[in-house]
C-alpha atoms as a PDB file:
ATOM      1  CA  MET A   1      -0.165  -0.100   0.021  1.00  0.00           C
ATOM      2  CA  LYS A   2       2.945   2.574   0.616  1.00  0.00           C
ATOM      3  CA  GLY A   3       4.169   2.359  -3.087  1.00  0.00           C
ATOM      4  CA  LYS A   4       0.038   3.293  -4.021  1.00  0.00           C
ATOM      5  CA  ASP A   5       0.622   6.092  -1.188  1.00  0.00           C
ATOM      6  CA  ALA A   6       3.562   7.763  -2.926  1.00  0.00           C
ATOM      7  CA  GLU A   7       1.809   7.819  -6.046  1.00  0.00           C
ATOM      8  CA  LEU A   8      -0.857  10.354  -4.975  1.00  0.00           C
ATOM      9  CA  SER A   9      -1.230  13.412  -4.788  1.00  0.00           C
ATOM     10  CA  PHE A  10      -1.578  15.524  -1.758  1.00  0.00           C
ATOM     11  CA  GLU A  11      -5.023  16.497  -2.790  1.00  0.00           C
ATOM     12  CA  GLN A  12      -5.730  12.885  -3.538  1.00  0.00           C
ATOM     13  CA  SER A  13      -4.464  11.520  -0.682  1.00  0.00           C
ATOM     14  CA  MET A  14      -6.947  14.667   1.694  1.00  0.00           C
ATOM     15  CA  SER A  15     -10.107  13.266  -1.214  1.00  0.00           C
ATOM     16  CA  ARG A  16      -9.014   9.491   0.294  1.00  0.00           C
ATOM     17  CA  LEU A  17      -8.454  10.624   3.940  1.00  0.00           C
ATOM     18  CA  ASP A  18     -12.078  12.451   3.652  1.00  0.00           C
ATOM     19  CA  GLU A  19     -13.684   9.320   2.406  1.00  0.00           C
ATOM     20  CA  ILE A  20     -11.934   7.431   5.231  1.00  0.00           C
ATOM     21  CA  VAL A  21     -13.446   9.174   7.795  1.00  0.00           C
ATOM     22  CA  GLN A  22     -17.122   9.409   6.242  1.00  0.00           C
ATOM     23  CA  SER A  23     -16.873   5.299   6.565  1.00  0.00           C
ATOM     24  CA  LEU A  24     -15.540   5.333   9.473  1.00  0.00           C
ATOM     25  CA  ASP A  25     -18.196   7.500  11.075  1.00  0.00           C
ATOM     26  CA  SER A  26     -20.721   5.924   9.286  1.00  0.00           C
ATOM     27  CA  GLY A  27     -20.551   3.079  11.283  1.00  0.00           C
ATOM     28  CA  GLU A  28     -21.329   0.698   8.870  1.00  0.00           C
ATOM     29  CA  LEU A  29     -17.831  -1.344   8.851  1.00  0.00           C
ATOM     30  CA  ALA A  30     -16.603  -3.941  10.718  1.00  0.00           C
ATOM     31  CA  LEU A  31     -14.043  -3.778  13.441  1.00  0.00           C
ATOM     32  CA  ASN A  32     -11.764  -5.714  11.135  1.00  0.00           C
ATOM     33  CA  GLU A  33     -12.557  -3.289   8.152  1.00  0.00           C
ATOM     34  CA  SER A  34     -12.562  -0.245  10.556  1.00  0.00           C
ATOM     35  CA  MET A  35      -8.983  -1.486  11.647  1.00  0.00           C
ATOM     36  CA  VAL A  36      -8.032  -1.714   7.838  1.00  0.00           C
ATOM     37  CA  VAL A  37      -9.452   1.637   6.879  1.00  0.00           C
ATOM     38  CA  PHE A  38      -7.931   3.158  10.013  1.00  0.00           C
ATOM     39  CA  GLU A  39      -4.156   2.187   9.119  1.00  0.00           C
ATOM     40  CA  GLU A  40      -4.933   3.490   5.866  1.00  0.00           C
ATOM     41  CA  GLY A  41      -5.794   6.678   6.849  1.00  0.00           C
ATOM     42  CA  VAL A  42      -2.477   6.680   9.221  1.00  0.00           C
ATOM     43  CA  LYS A  43      -0.802   6.347   6.474  1.00  0.00           C
ATOM     44  CA  LEU A  44      -1.784   8.778   4.447  1.00  0.00           C
ATOM     45  CA  THR A  45      -1.857  11.556   7.051  1.00  0.00           C
ATOM     46  CA  ARG A  46       1.963  10.755   7.365  1.00  0.00           C
ATOM     47  CA  GLU A  47       2.158  10.928   3.619  1.00  0.00           C
ATOM     48  CA  CYS A  48       0.674  14.491   3.536  1.00  0.00           C
ATOM     49  CA  SER A  49       2.414  15.617   6.333  1.00  0.00           C
ATOM     50  CA  LYS A  50       5.894  14.879   4.796  1.00  0.00           C
ATOM     51  CA  GLN A  51       4.511  16.586   1.434  1.00  0.00           C
ATOM     52  CA  LEU A  52       3.479  19.711   3.543  1.00  0.00           C
ATOM     53  CA  THR A  53       6.689  19.708   5.230  1.00  0.00           C
ATOM     54  CA  LYS A  54       8.514  19.014   1.549  1.00  0.00           C
ATOM     55  CA  ALA A  55       6.537  22.193   0.429  1.00  0.00           C
ATOM     56  CA  GLN A  56       7.323  24.077   2.829  1.00  0.00           C
ATOM     57  CA  GLY A  57      10.997  23.974   2.911  1.00  0.00           C
ATOM     58  CA  ARG A  58      10.803  24.400  -0.622  1.00  0.00           C
ATOM     59  CA  LEU A  59       9.092  27.969  -0.093  1.00  0.00           C
ATOM     60  CA  ASP A  60      11.766  29.072   2.356  1.00  0.00           C
ATOM     61  CA  ILE A  61      14.029  28.608  -0.427  1.00  0.00           C
ATOM     62  CA  LEU A  62      12.159  29.938  -2.905  1.00  0.00           C
ATOM     63  CA  ILE A  63      11.204  33.471  -1.083  1.00  0.00           C
ATOM     64  CA  LYS A  64      14.221  35.121  -0.041  1.00  0.00           C
ATOM     65  CA  LYS A  65      15.713  38.562   0.410  1.00  0.00           C
ATOM     66  CA  ALA A  66      17.694  40.193  -3.068  1.00  0.00           C
ATOM     67  CA  ASP A  67      20.639  40.067  -0.707  1.00  0.00           C
ATOM     68  CA  GLY A  68      20.363  36.574   0.123  1.00  0.00           C
ATOM     69  CA  ASN A  69      18.990  36.705   3.322  1.00  0.00           C
ATOM     70  CA  ASN A  70      16.428  34.263   4.441  1.00  0.00           C
ATOM     71  CA  SER A  71      12.709  36.767   4.983  1.00  0.00           C
ATOM     72  CA  LEU A  72      10.469  34.135   6.081  1.00  0.00           C
ATOM     73  CA  LYS A  73       8.601  33.816   9.270  1.00  0.00           C
ATOM     74  CA  ALA A  74       7.938  30.268  10.359  1.00  0.00           C
ATOM     75  CA  LEU A  75       5.194  29.264   8.245  1.00  0.00           C
ATOM     76  CA  ASP A  76       2.418  27.548  10.211  1.00  0.00           C
ATOM     77  CA  ILE A  77       0.763  24.902   8.101  1.00  0.00           C
ATOM     78  CA  GLN A  78      -0.881  22.931  10.397  1.00  0.00           C
END
């Protein structure tokens, strides 16, 4: 499943997470199915977090003052 997660864009991962939350909230899944879906959600959440951290790093590099000093304040992306 990790290979599948790595292929998803951030937006696709967030969409899938939304589906997971809805299915878990419905209460219609058996316990075992809920655990499998929950595990997928945890993996997707970790992947999204990595993607956000990477994007923040890219922003830090891209936005600099002309003299080369980083002019960014800490970004709160949570």
